[in-house]
Amino acid sequence: MIRFLIRTAISLVTAALGLLVASWILPDFRIEWGGFIVAILVFAIAQAVLSPFIFNLARQHASAILGGIGLVSTFVALLIASLFPGGITISGVVTWILATLIVWIITALGTWLLPLIFLKEKAKKAKA
């Protein structure tokens, strides 16, 4: 249960970081602060649900694109999150592509590095 909560927190934090970095770098990626929490939740839930679904779909029908599953699920999660009013707004094809890359990189690095940090802290506490 604790691992689930930690992974959920990491997913929410990395989603927030990815969206914030994209909004800082890309002029056509806007966050409305009133809907930011909703955008984070929608993005994180969509990402969690879509990743396995898109993976299985690609594995069955297009195994050559399995390496791009994270990018595809990030794009679709951004698309879904942008449909909710008052959250994020993305304009232009280039911004969609760059936002997908930025958010994917941030969330991928975060989900890889943050558990290592938490586990390192847990190991230190266990030794003490």
Protein backbone atom coordinates (compact mmCIF):
# COMPACT_ATOMS: atom_id res chain seq x y z
CA MET A 1 0.00 0.00 0.00
CA ILE A 2 2.85 2.39 0.85
CA ARG A 3 4.54 1.69 -2.49
CA PHE A 4 1.29 2.44 -4.30
CA LEU A 5 0.98 5.76 -2.49
CA ILE A 6 4.60 6.65 -3.20
CA ARG A 7 4.22 5.77 -6.88
CA THR A 8 1.00 7.80 -7.05
CA ALA A 9 2.71 10.79 -5.44
CA ILE A 10 5.65 10.45 -7.83
CA SER A 11 3.28 10.28 -10.79
CA LEU A 12 1.48 13.45 -9.66
CA VAL A 13 4.71 15.33 -8.92
CA THR A 14 6.30 14.40 -12.24
CA ALA A 15 3.11 15.30 -14.11
CA ALA A 16 3.08 18.70 -12.41
CA LEU A 17 6.77 19.25 -13.15
CA GLY A 18 6.38 18.21 -16.77
CA LEU A 19 3.44 20.52 -17.32
CA LEU A 20 5.18 23.43 -15.56
CA VAL A 21 8.41 23.02 -17.54
CA ALA A 22 6.46 22.84 -20.79
CA SER A 23 4.58 26.02 -19.88
CA TRP A 24 7.84 27.83 -19.03
CA ILE A 25 9.61 26.78 -22.23
CA LEU A 26 6.81 26.88 -24.81
CA PRO A 27 4.98 30.17 -25.39
CA ASP A 28 1.90 28.42 -26.85
CA PHE A 29 1.53 26.06 -23.87
CA ARG A 30 -0.52 27.83 -21.25
CA ILE A 31 -1.64 26.79 -17.81
CA GLU A 32 -4.61 28.41 -16.16
CA TRP A 33 -3.79 28.19 -12.48
CA GLY A 34 -7.42 27.71 -11.46
CA GLY A 35 -7.53 24.39 -13.32
CA PHE A 36 -3.94 23.31 -12.80
CA ILE A 37 -4.76 20.67 -10.17
CA VAL A 38 -7.50 19.24 -12.39
CA ALA A 39 -5.07 19.17 -15.33
CA ILE A 40 -2.47 17.32 -13.24
CA LEU A 41 -4.99 14.76 -12.02
CA VAL A 42 -6.52 14.21 -15.45
CA PHE A 43 -3.08 13.91 -17.08
CA ALA A 44 -1.76 11.49 -14.44
CA ILE A 45 -4.86 9.30 -14.52
CA ALA A 46 -4.98 9.29 -18.32
CA GLN A 47 -1.28 8.42 -18.47
CA ALA A 48 -1.70 5.58 -15.97
CA VAL A 49 -4.70 4.14 -17.82
CA LEU A 50 -3.49 4.70 -21.37
CA SER A 51 0.07 3.38 -21.10
CA PRO A 52 -0.84 -0.29 -20.61
CA PHE A 53 -3.73 -0.04 -23.08
CA ILE A 54 -1.59 1.53 -25.83
CA PHE A 55 1.23 -0.92 -25.08
CA ASN A 56 -1.07 -3.92 -25.54
CA LEU A 57 -2.62 -2.44 -28.66
CA ALA A 58 0.80 -1.76 -30.20
CA ARG A 59 2.13 -5.17 -29.20
CA GLN A 60 -0.76 -6.86 -31.00
CA HIS A 61 -0.94 -4.68 -34.10
CA ALA A 62 2.24 -2.63 -34.51
CA SER A 63 5.17 -4.07 -32.56
CA ALA A 64 7.61 -1.79 -34.39
CA ILE A 65 6.38 1.23 -32.40
CA LEU A 66 6.68 -0.33 -28.92
CA GLY A 67 9.57 2.01 -28.08
CA GLY A 68 7.38 5.05 -28.64
CA ILE A 69 4.57 3.98 -26.32
CA GLY A 70 5.53 6.54 -23.69
CA LEU A 71 5.42 9.33 -26.25
CA VAL A 72 2.06 8.21 -27.63
CA SER A 73 0.48 7.86 -24.20
CA THR A 74 1.91 11.25 -23.15
CA PHE A 75 0.45 12.88 -26.27
CA VAL A 76 -2.98 11.30 -25.72
CA ALA A 77 -2.91 12.20 -22.00
CA LEU A 78 -2.07 15.82 -22.91
CA LEU A 79 -4.91 15.79 -25.43
CA ILE A 80 -7.38 14.51 -22.84
CA ALA A 81 -6.15 16.96 -20.18
CA SER A 82 -6.50 19.86 -22.62
CA LEU A 83 -10.17 18.98 -23.19
CA PHE A 84 -11.02 19.96 -19.62
CA PRO A 85 -11.71 23.70 -19.49
CA GLY A 86 -9.61 25.92 -17.25
CA GLY A 87 -6.51 23.70 -17.18
CA ILE A 88 -4.00 23.62 -20.01
CA THR A 89 -4.17 25.09 -23.50
CA ILE A 90 -1.83 23.97 -26.27
CA SER A 91 -1.77 25.77 -29.63
CA GLY A 92 0.09 24.73 -32.77
CA VAL A 93 1.48 21.47 -34.08
CA VAL A 94 5.07 22.28 -33.10
CA THR A 95 3.97 23.09 -29.54
CA TRP A 96 2.07 19.79 -29.33
CA ILE A 97 5.15 17.87 -30.46
CA LEU A 98 7.55 19.74 -28.18
CA ALA A 99 5.17 19.60 -25.22
CA THR A 100 4.83 15.85 -25.67
CA LEU A 101 8.62 15.45 -25.71
CA ILE A 102 9.20 17.74 -22.72
CA VAL A 103 6.50 16.22 -20.54
CA TRP A 104 7.54 12.69 -21.53
CA ILE A 105 11.21 13.35 -20.67
CA ILE A 106 10.35 14.94 -17.31
CA THR A 107 7.91 12.19 -16.30
CA ALA A 108 10.24 9.42 -17.50
CA LEU A 109 13.22 10.82 -15.61
CA GLY A 110 11.11 11.50 -12.54
CA THR A 111 9.61 8.03 -12.39
CA TRP A 112 13.09 6.57 -12.79
CA LEU A 113 15.03 8.84 -10.38
CA LEU A 114 12.54 9.69 -7.63
CA PRO A 115 12.03 6.09 -6.46
CA LEU A 116 15.81 5.77 -6.16
CA ILE A 117 15.87 8.83 -3.91
CA PHE A 118 13.01 7.52 -1.75
CA LEU A 119 14.57 4.07 -1.52
CA LYS A 120 17.94 5.61 -0.59
CA GLU A 121 16.31 7.56 2.22
CA LYS A 122 14.44 4.44 3.37
CA ALA A 123 17.69 2.45 3.41
CA LYS A 124 19.41 5.14 5.50
CA LYS A 125 16.56 5.10 8.02
CA ALA A 126 16.67 1.29 8.20
CA LYS A 127 20.39 1.38 9.02
CA ALA A 128 19.91 3.94 11.79
